[in-house]
Amino acid sequence: MAPSLLPQDFVLVDTTFAKIQADGLFAIRFKEGDFPVIRRVSVNPMTGALTIASDNPAYQDYEDVDAANVSVFGRVIWKSQRT
């Protein structure tokens, strides 16, 4: 998620967000066995499909993702960048 989040940064994840209902940064996993990642997620208000994006252009964005195919750990509500 560089430049928004760097490897040494700390984040606080609110785990009460078990479902993505609004746009934001979320801790998610794409499929069972994958490592959790933090991604920018937006919801299409017409279809409920998700767009999952990284701020780092080296990583692929995913559009029209079925929310049922994404495990949600929570929403990022705070970050601290080390200097």
PDB file of N, CA and C in Angstrom:
ATOM      1  N   MET A   1       0.813  -1.202   0.000  1.00  0.00           N
ATOM      2  CA  MET A   1       0.000   0.000   0.000  1.00  0.00           C
ATOM      3  C   MET A   1       0.851   1.258   0.000  1.00  0.00           C
ATOM      4  N   ALA A   2       2.140   1.100  -0.292  1.00  0.00           N
ATOM      5  CA  ALA A   2       2.980   2.291  -0.385  1.00  0.00           C
ATOM      6  C   ALA A   2       2.458   3.179  -1.513  1.00  0.00           C
ATOM      7  N   PRO A   3       2.432   4.432  -1.349  1.00  0.00           N
ATOM      8  CA  PRO A   3       3.040   5.241  -0.300  1.00  0.00           C
ATOM      9  C   PRO A   3       2.145   5.498   0.906  1.00  0.00           C
ATOM     10  N   SER A   4       0.882   5.062   0.883  1.00  0.00           N
ATOM     11  CA  SER A   4      -0.011   5.333   2.013  1.00  0.00           C
ATOM     12  C   SER A   4       0.414   4.603   3.281  1.00  0.00           C
ATOM     13  N   LEU A   5       0.808   3.353   3.134  1.00  0.00           N
ATOM     14  CA  LEU A   5       1.302   2.555   4.249  1.00  0.00           C
ATOM     15  C   LEU A   5       2.650   1.971   3.869  1.00  0.00           C
ATOM     16  N   LEU A   6       3.592   2.077   4.773  1.00  0.00           N
ATOM     17  CA  LEU A   6       4.925   1.550   4.549  1.00  0.00           C
ATOM     18  C   LEU A   6       5.143   0.334   5.442  1.00  0.00           C
ATOM     19  N   PRO A   7       6.123  -0.522   5.128  1.00  0.00           N
ATOM     20  CA  PRO A   7       6.300  -1.764   5.890  1.00  0.00           C
ATOM     21  C   PRO A   7       6.480  -1.577   7.396  1.00  0.00           C
ATOM     22  N   GLN A   8       7.046  -0.485   7.841  1.00  0.00           N
ATOM     23  CA  GLN A   8       7.284  -0.282   9.268  1.00  0.00           C
ATOM     24  C   GLN A   8       6.131   0.436   9.981  1.00  0.00           C
ATOM     25  N   ASP A   9       5.071   0.774   9.266  1.00  0.00           N
ATOM     26  CA  ASP A   9       3.927   1.474   9.853  1.00  0.00           C
ATOM     27  C   ASP A   9       3.091   0.547  10.724  1.00  0.00           C
ATOM     28  N   PHE A  10       2.391   1.141  11.663  1.00  0.00           N
ATOM     29  CA  PHE A  10       1.432   0.423  12.494  1.00  0.00           C
ATOM     30  C   PHE A  10       0.030   0.839  12.073  1.00  0.00           C
ATOM     31  N   VAL A  11      -0.910  -0.109  12.115  1.00  0.00           N
ATOM     32  CA  VAL A  11      -2.302   0.203  11.834  1.00  0.00           C
ATOM     33  C   VAL A  11      -3.168  -0.384  12.943  1.00  0.00           C
ATOM     34  N   LEU A  12      -4.300   0.263  13.167  1.00  0.00           N
ATOM     35  CA  LEU A  12      -5.296  -0.241  14.106  1.00  0.00           C
ATOM     36  C   LEU A  12      -6.499  -0.654  13.281  1.00  0.00           C
ATOM     37  N   VAL A  13      -6.913  -1.906  13.442  1.00  0.00           N
ATOM     38  CA  VAL A  13      -8.011  -2.459  12.659  1.00  0.00           C
ATOM     39  C   VAL A  13      -9.199  -2.693  13.574  1.00  0.00           C
ATOM     40  N   ASP A  14     -10.333  -2.104  13.235  1.00  0.00           N
ATOM     41  CA  ASP A  14     -11.583  -2.307  13.969  1.00  0.00           C
ATOM     42  C   ASP A  14     -12.214  -3.590  13.450  1.00  0.00           C
ATOM     43  N   THR A  15     -12.179  -4.640  14.251  1.00  0.00           N
ATOM     44  CA  THR A  15     -12.654  -5.948  13.813  1.00  0.00           C
ATOM     45  C   THR A  15     -14.172  -6.092  13.886  1.00  0.00           C
ATOM     46  N   THR A  16     -14.876  -5.038  14.296  1.00  0.00           N
ATOM     47  CA  THR A  16     -16.341  -5.115  14.293  1.00  0.00           C
ATOM     48  C   THR A  16     -16.904  -4.961  12.886  1.00  0.00           C
ATOM     49  N   PHE A  17     -16.056  -4.579  11.932  1.00  0.00           N
ATOM     50  CA  PHE A  17     -16.478  -4.472  10.531  1.00  0.00           C
ATOM     51  C   PHE A  17     -16.258  -5.826   9.865  1.00  0.00           C
ATOM     52  N   ALA A  18     -17.248  -6.695   9.924  1.00  0.00           N
ATOM     53  CA  ALA A  18     -17.134  -8.018   9.321  1.00  0.00           C
ATOM     54  C   ALA A  18     -17.652  -8.024   7.888  1.00  0.00           C
ATOM     55  N   LYS A  19     -18.269  -6.917   7.478  1.00  0.00           N
ATOM     56  CA  LYS A  19     -18.829  -6.802   6.138  1.00  0.00           C
ATOM     57  C   LYS A  19     -18.488  -5.418   5.596  1.00  0.00           C
ATOM     58  N   ILE A  20     -18.146  -5.358   4.329  1.00  0.00           N
ATOM     59  CA  ILE A  20     -17.810  -4.083   3.707  1.00  0.00           C
ATOM     60  C   ILE A  20     -19.088  -3.449   3.191  1.00  0.00           C
ATOM     61  N   GLN A  21     -19.467  -2.325   3.804  1.00  0.00           N
ATOM     62  CA  GLN A  21     -20.681  -1.620   3.398  1.00  0.00           C
ATOM     63  C   GLN A  21     -20.400  -0.213   2.895  1.00  0.00           C
ATOM     64  N   ALA A  22     -19.180   0.255   3.108  1.00  0.00           N
ATOM     65  CA  ALA A  22     -18.783   1.592   2.658  1.00  0.00           C
ATOM     66  C   ALA A  22     -17.314   1.539   2.248  1.00  0.00           C
ATOM     67  N   ASP A  23     -16.894   2.520   1.472  1.00  0.00           N
ATOM     68  CA  ASP A  23     -15.522   2.579   0.990  1.00  0.00           C
ATOM     69  C   ASP A  23     -14.550   2.811   2.145  1.00  0.00           C
ATOM     70  N   GLY A  24     -13.332   2.289   2.009  1.00  0.00           N
ATOM     71  CA  GLY A  24     -12.308   2.522   3.008  1.00  0.00           C
ATOM     72  C   GLY A  24     -11.148   1.566   2.861  1.00  0.00           C
ATOM     73  N   LEU A  25     -10.230   1.624   3.828  1.00  0.00           N
ATOM     74  CA  LEU A  25      -9.112   0.684   3.895  1.00  0.00           C
ATOM     75  C   LEU A  25      -9.537  -0.481   4.762  1.00  0.00           C
ATOM     76  N   PHE A  26      -9.354  -1.696   4.258  1.00  0.00           N
ATOM     77  CA  PHE A  26      -9.780  -2.887   4.978  1.00  0.00           C
ATOM     78  C   PHE A  26      -8.672  -3.921   5.013  1.00  0.00           C
ATOM     79  N   ALA A  27      -8.641  -4.688   6.093  1.00  0.00           N
ATOM     80  CA  ALA A  27      -7.793  -5.870   6.185  1.00  0.00           C
ATOM     81  C   ALA A  27      -8.633  -7.021   5.643  1.00  0.00           C
ATOM     82  N   ILE A  28      -8.182  -7.612   4.538  1.00  0.00           N
ATOM     83  CA  ILE A  28      -8.965  -8.645   3.865  1.00  0.00           C
ATOM     84  C   ILE A  28      -8.067  -9.816   3.480  1.00  0.00           C
ATOM     85  N   ARG A  29      -8.730 -10.894   3.102  1.00  0.00           N
ATOM     86  CA  ARG A  29      -8.034 -12.040   2.507  1.00  0.00           C
ATOM     87  C   ARG A  29      -8.865 -12.465   1.307  1.00  0.00           C
ATOM     88  N   PHE A  30      -8.218 -12.695   0.174  1.00  0.00           N
ATOM     89  CA  PHE A  30      -8.940 -13.045  -1.045  1.00  0.00           C
ATOM     90  C   PHE A  30      -9.478 -14.470  -1.014  1.00  0.00           C
ATOM     91  N   LYS A  31      -8.676 -15.409  -0.544  1.00  0.00           N
ATOM     92  CA  LYS A  31      -9.126 -16.795  -0.471  1.00  0.00           C
ATOM     93  C   LYS A  31      -8.444 -17.497   0.691  1.00  0.00           C
ATOM     94  N   GLU A  32      -9.025 -18.598   1.109  1.00  0.00           N
ATOM     95  CA  GLU A  32      -8.495 -19.373   2.228  1.00  0.00           C
ATOM     96  C   GLU A  32      -7.039 -19.742   1.952  1.00  0.00           C
ATOM     97  N   GLY A  33      -6.186 -19.529   2.936  1.00  0.00           N
ATOM     98  CA  GLY A  33      -4.776 -19.851   2.794  1.00  0.00           C
ATOM     99  C   GLY A  33      -3.909 -18.668   2.429  1.00  0.00           C
ATOM    100  N   ASP A  34      -4.501 -17.610   1.848  1.00  0.00           N
ATOM    101  CA  ASP A  34      -3.740 -16.401   1.536  1.00  0.00           C
ATOM    102  C   ASP A  34      -3.460 -15.620   2.811  1.00  0.00           C
ATOM    103  N   PHE A  35      -2.414 -14.825   2.778  1.00  0.00           N
ATOM    104  CA  PHE A  35      -2.121 -13.930   3.886  1.00  0.00           C
ATOM    105  C   PHE A  35      -3.070 -12.739   3.844  1.00  0.00           C
ATOM    106  N   PRO A  36      -3.460 -12.229   5.010  1.00  0.00           N
ATOM    107  CA  PRO A  36      -4.275 -11.003   5.018  1.00  0.00           C
ATOM    108  C   PRO A  36      -3.471  -9.837   4.452  1.00  0.00           C
ATOM    109  N   VAL A  37      -4.175  -8.950   3.762  1.00  0.00           N
ATOM    110  CA  VAL A  37      -3.564  -7.758   3.191  1.00  0.00           C
ATOM    111  C   VAL A  37      -4.459  -6.559   3.497  1.00  0.00           C
ATOM    112  N   ILE A  38      -3.892  -5.388   3.417  1.00  0.00           N
ATOM    113  CA  ILE A  38      -4.686  -4.165   3.555  1.00  0.00           C
ATOM    114  C   ILE A  38      -4.833  -3.574   2.164  1.00  0.00           C
ATOM    115  N   ARG A  39      -6.091  -3.315   1.798  1.00  0.00           N
ATOM    116  CA  ARG A  39      -6.374  -2.771   0.478  1.00  0.00           C
ATOM    117  C   ARG A  39      -7.454  -1.709   0.568  1.00  0.00           C
ATOM    118  N   ARG A  40      -7.462  -0.829  -0.408  1.00  0.00           N
ATOM    119  CA  ARG A  40      -8.507   0.183  -0.541  1.00  0.00           C
ATOM    120  C   ARG A  40      -9.683  -0.494  -1.248  1.00  0.00           C
ATOM    121  N   VAL A  41     -10.846  -0.488  -0.597  1.00  0.00           N
ATOM    122  CA  VAL A  41     -12.012  -1.182  -1.135  1.00  0.00           C
ATOM    123  C   VAL A  41     -13.144  -0.180  -1.327  1.00  0.00           C
ATOM    124  N   SER A  42     -13.766  -0.246  -2.492  1.00  0.00           N
ATOM    125  CA  SER A  42     -14.948   0.582  -2.750  1.00  0.00           C
ATOM    126  C   SER A  42     -16.078  -0.343  -3.185  1.00  0.00           C
ATOM    127  N   VAL A  43     -17.299   0.087  -2.866  1.00  0.00           N
ATOM    128  CA  VAL A  43     -18.490  -0.711  -3.128  1.00  0.00           C
ATOM    129  C   VAL A  43     -19.313  -0.040  -4.228  1.00  0.00           C
ATOM    130  N   ASN A  44     -19.687  -0.802  -5.231  1.00  0.00           N
ATOM    131  CA  ASN A  44     -20.586  -0.297  -6.264  1.00  0.00           C
ATOM    132  C   ASN A  44     -21.983  -0.248  -5.657  1.00  0.00           C
ATOM    133  N   PRO A  45     -22.594   0.930  -5.540  1.00  0.00           N
ATOM    134  CA  PRO A  45     -23.898   1.038  -4.873  1.00  0.00           C
ATOM    135  C   PRO A  45     -25.034   0.360  -5.636  1.00  0.00           C
ATOM    136  N   MET A  46     -24.846   0.120  -6.914  1.00  0.00           N
ATOM    137  CA  MET A  46     -25.903  -0.506  -7.720  1.00  0.00           C
ATOM    138  C   MET A  46     -25.868  -2.033  -7.625  1.00  0.00           C
ATOM    139  N   THR A  47     -24.655  -2.600  -7.624  1.00  0.00           N
ATOM    140  CA  THR A  47     -24.525  -4.061  -7.676  1.00  0.00           C
ATOM    141  C   THR A  47     -24.010  -4.685  -6.382  1.00  0.00           C
ATOM    142  N   GLY A  48     -23.360  -3.881  -5.544  1.00  0.00           N
ATOM    143  CA  GLY A  48     -22.743  -4.412  -4.340  1.00  0.00           C
ATOM    144  C   GLY A  48     -21.382  -5.037  -4.597  1.00  0.00           C
ATOM    145  N   ALA A  49     -20.952  -5.038  -5.864  1.00  0.00           N
ATOM    146  CA  ALA A  49     -19.640  -5.586  -6.203  1.00  0.00           C
ATOM    147  C   ALA A  49     -18.538  -4.674  -5.662  1.00  0.00           C
ATOM    148  N   LEU A  50     -17.395  -5.269  -5.392  1.00  0.00           N
ATOM    149  CA  LEU A  50     -16.277  -4.539  -4.807  1.00  0.00           C
ATOM    150  C   LEU A  50     -15.210  -4.236  -5.856  1.00  0.00           C
ATOM    151  N   THR A  51     -14.556  -3.100  -5.689  1.00  0.00           N
ATOM    152  CA  THR A  51     -13.309  -2.812  -6.380  1.00  0.00           C
ATOM    153  C   THR A  51     -12.235  -2.808  -5.309  1.00  0.00           C
ATOM    154  N   ILE A  52     -11.215  -3.629  -5.501  1.00  0.00           N
ATOM    155  CA  ILE A  52     -10.136  -3.778  -4.524  1.00  0.00           C
ATOM    156  C   ILE A  52      -8.863  -3.270  -5.163  1.00  0.00           C
ATOM    157  N   ALA A  53      -8.245  -2.279  -4.523  1.00  0.00           N
ATOM    158  CA  ALA A  53      -7.080  -1.628  -5.123  1.00  0.00           C
ATOM    159  C   ALA A  53      -5.978  -1.428  -4.096  1.00  0.00           C
ATOM    160  N   SER A  54      -4.763  -1.467  -4.590  1.00  0.00           N
ATOM    161  CA  SER A  54      -3.599  -1.104  -3.797  1.00  0.00           C
ATOM    162  C   SER A  54      -3.153   0.277  -4.240  1.00  0.00           C
ATOM    163  N   ASP A  55      -2.648   1.070  -3.322  1.00  0.00           N
ATOM    164  CA  ASP A  55      -2.100   2.377  -3.686  1.00  0.00           C
ATOM    165  C   ASP A  55      -0.763   2.220  -4.412  1.00  0.00           C
ATOM    166  N   ASN A  56      -0.161   1.047  -4.298  1.00  0.00           N
ATOM    167  CA  ASN A  56       1.107   0.751  -4.943  1.00  0.00           C
ATOM    168  C   ASN A  56       0.827   0.255  -6.359  1.00  0.00           C
ATOM    169  N   PRO A  57       1.297   0.972  -7.388  1.00  0.00           N
ATOM    170  CA  PRO A  57       0.992   0.577  -8.762  1.00  0.00           C
ATOM    171  C   PRO A  57       1.605  -0.761  -9.173  1.00  0.00           C
ATOM    172  N   ALA A  58       2.489  -1.320  -8.367  1.00  0.00           N
ATOM    173  CA  ALA A  58       3.091  -2.618  -8.688  1.00  0.00           C
ATOM    174  C   ALA A  58       2.106  -3.766  -8.478  1.00  0.00           C
ATOM    175  N   TYR A  59       0.993  -3.497  -7.794  1.00  0.00           N
ATOM    176  CA  TYR A  59       0.007  -4.538  -7.516  1.00  0.00           C
ATOM    177  C   TYR A  59      -1.253  -4.300  -8.326  1.00  0.00           C
ATOM    178  N   GLN A  60      -1.834  -5.379  -8.792  1.00  0.00           N
ATOM    179  CA  GLN A  60      -3.017  -5.346  -9.634  1.00  0.00           C
ATOM    180  C   GLN A  60      -4.253  -4.921  -8.851  1.00  0.00           C
ATOM    181  N   ASP A  61      -5.131  -4.165  -9.515  1.00  0.00           N
ATOM    182  CA  ASP A  61      -6.447  -3.837  -8.962  1.00  0.00           C
ATOM    183  C   ASP A  61      -7.445  -4.878  -9.461  1.00  0.00           C
ATOM    184  N   TYR A  62      -8.490  -5.092  -8.669  1.00  0.00           N
ATOM    185  CA  TYR A  62      -9.535  -6.050  -9.036  1.00  0.00           C
ATOM    186  C   TYR A  62     -10.879  -5.330  -9.024  1.00  0.00           C
ATOM    187  N   GLU A  63     -11.641  -5.494 -10.093  1.00  0.00           N
ATOM    188  CA  GLU A  63     -12.950  -4.848 -10.199  1.00  0.00           C
ATOM    189  C   GLU A  63     -14.046  -5.908 -10.253  1.00  0.00           C
ATOM    190  N   ASP A  64     -15.239  -5.516  -9.851  1.00  0.00           N
ATOM    191  CA  ASP A  64     -16.420  -6.388  -9.877  1.00  0.00           C
ATOM    192  C   ASP A  64     -16.204  -7.686  -9.116  1.00  0.00           C
ATOM    193  N   VAL A  65     -15.620  -7.583  -7.929  1.00  0.00           N
ATOM    194  CA  VAL A  65     -15.383  -8.746  -7.080  1.00  0.00           C
ATOM    195  C   VAL A  65     -16.634  -9.008  -6.248  1.00  0.00           C
ATOM    196  N   ASP A  66     -17.078 -10.242  -6.220  1.00  0.00           N
ATOM    197  CA  ASP A  66     -18.211 -10.641  -5.393  1.00  0.00           C
ATOM    198  C   ASP A  66     -17.769 -10.598  -3.927  1.00  0.00           C
ATOM    199  N   ALA A  67     -18.483  -9.853  -3.111  1.00  0.00           N
ATOM    200  CA  ALA A  67     -18.122  -9.694  -1.697  1.00  0.00           C
ATOM    201  C   ALA A  67     -18.079 -11.033  -0.965  1.00  0.00           C
ATOM    202  N   ALA A  68     -18.821 -12.013  -1.446  1.00  0.00           N
ATOM    203  CA  ALA A  68     -18.821 -13.336  -0.813  1.00  0.00           C
ATOM    204  C   ALA A  68     -17.480 -14.049  -0.972  1.00  0.00           C
ATOM    205  N   ASN A  69     -16.664 -13.597  -1.898  1.00  0.00           N
ATOM    206  CA  ASN A  69     -15.363 -14.215  -2.144  1.00  0.00           C
ATOM    207  C   ASN A  69     -14.221 -13.561  -1.377  1.00  0.00           C
ATOM    208  N   VAL A  70     -14.541 -12.625  -0.480  1.00  0.00           N
ATOM    209  CA  VAL A  70     -13.522 -11.890   0.272  1.00  0.00           C
ATOM    210  C   VAL A  70     -13.784 -12.052   1.766  1.00  0.00           C
ATOM    211  N   SER A  71     -12.761 -12.485   2.501  1.00  0.00           N
ATOM    212  CA  SER A  71     -12.856 -12.537   3.965  1.00  0.00           C
ATOM    213  C   SER A  71     -12.429 -11.193   4.522  1.00  0.00           C
ATOM    214  N   VAL A  72     -13.248 -10.625   5.386  1.00  0.00           N
ATOM    215  CA  VAL A  72     -12.970  -9.305   5.957  1.00  0.00           C
ATOM    216  C   VAL A  72     -12.558  -9.466   7.415  1.00  0.00           C
ATOM    217  N   PHE A  73     -11.384  -8.946   7.763  1.00  0.00           N
ATOM    218  CA  PHE A  73     -10.912  -8.973   9.140  1.00  0.00           C
ATOM    219  C   PHE A  73     -11.298  -7.709   9.884  1.00  0.00           C
ATOM    220  N   GLY A  74     -11.455  -6.602   9.153  1.00  0.00           N
ATOM    221  CA  GLY A  74     -11.844  -5.349   9.779  1.00  0.00           C
ATOM    222  C   GLY A  74     -11.432  -4.158   8.938  1.00  0.00           C
ATOM    223  N   ARG A  75     -11.821  -2.987   9.443  1.00  0.00           N
ATOM    224  CA  ARG A  75     -11.520  -1.721   8.755  1.00  0.00           C
ATOM    225  C   ARG A  75     -10.378  -1.007   9.450  1.00  0.00           C
ATOM    226  N   VAL A  76      -9.466  -0.464   8.665  1.00  0.00           N
ATOM    227  CA  VAL A  76      -8.350   0.308   9.214  1.00  0.00           C
ATOM    228  C   VAL A  76      -8.914   1.652   9.673  1.00  0.00           C
ATOM    229  N   ILE A  77      -8.730   1.938  10.953  1.00  0.00           N
ATOM    230  CA  ILE A  77      -9.268   3.194  11.496  1.00  0.00           C
ATOM    231  C   ILE A  77      -8.171   4.150  11.967  1.00  0.00           C
ATOM    232  N   TRP A  78      -6.917   3.682  11.974  1.00  0.00           N
ATOM    233  CA  TRP A  78      -5.822   4.532  12.433  1.00  0.00           C
ATOM    234  C   TRP A  78      -4.518   3.980  11.902  1.00  0.00           C
ATOM    235  N   LYS A  79      -3.572   4.875  11.598  1.00  0.00           N
ATOM    236  CA  LYS A  79      -2.235   4.450  11.211  1.00  0.00           C
ATOM    237  C   LYS A  79      -1.205   5.379  11.841  1.00  0.00           C
ATOM    238  N   SER A  80      -0.036   4.836  12.071  1.00  0.00           N
ATOM    239  CA  SER A  80       1.077   5.605  12.596  1.00  0.00           C
ATOM    240  C   SER A  80       2.285   5.318  11.731  1.00  0.00           C
ATOM    241  N   GLN A  81       2.858   6.373  11.165  1.00  0.00           N
ATOM    242  CA  GLN A  81       4.035   6.193  10.331  1.00  0.00           C
ATOM    243  C   GLN A  81       5.285   6.480  11.136  1.00  0.00           C
ATOM    244  N   ARG A  82       6.222   5.552  11.044  1.00  0.00           N
ATOM    245  CA  ARG A  82       7.515   5.758  11.679  1.00  0.00           C
ATOM    246  C   ARG A  82       8.358   6.642  10.790  1.00  0.00           C
ATOM    247  N   THR A  83       9.212   7.420  11.410  1.00  0.00           N
ATOM    248  CA  THR A  83      10.091   8.296  10.625  1.00  0.00           C
ATOM    249  C   THR A  83      11.521   7.858  10.751  1.00  0.00           C
TER     250      THR A  83
END
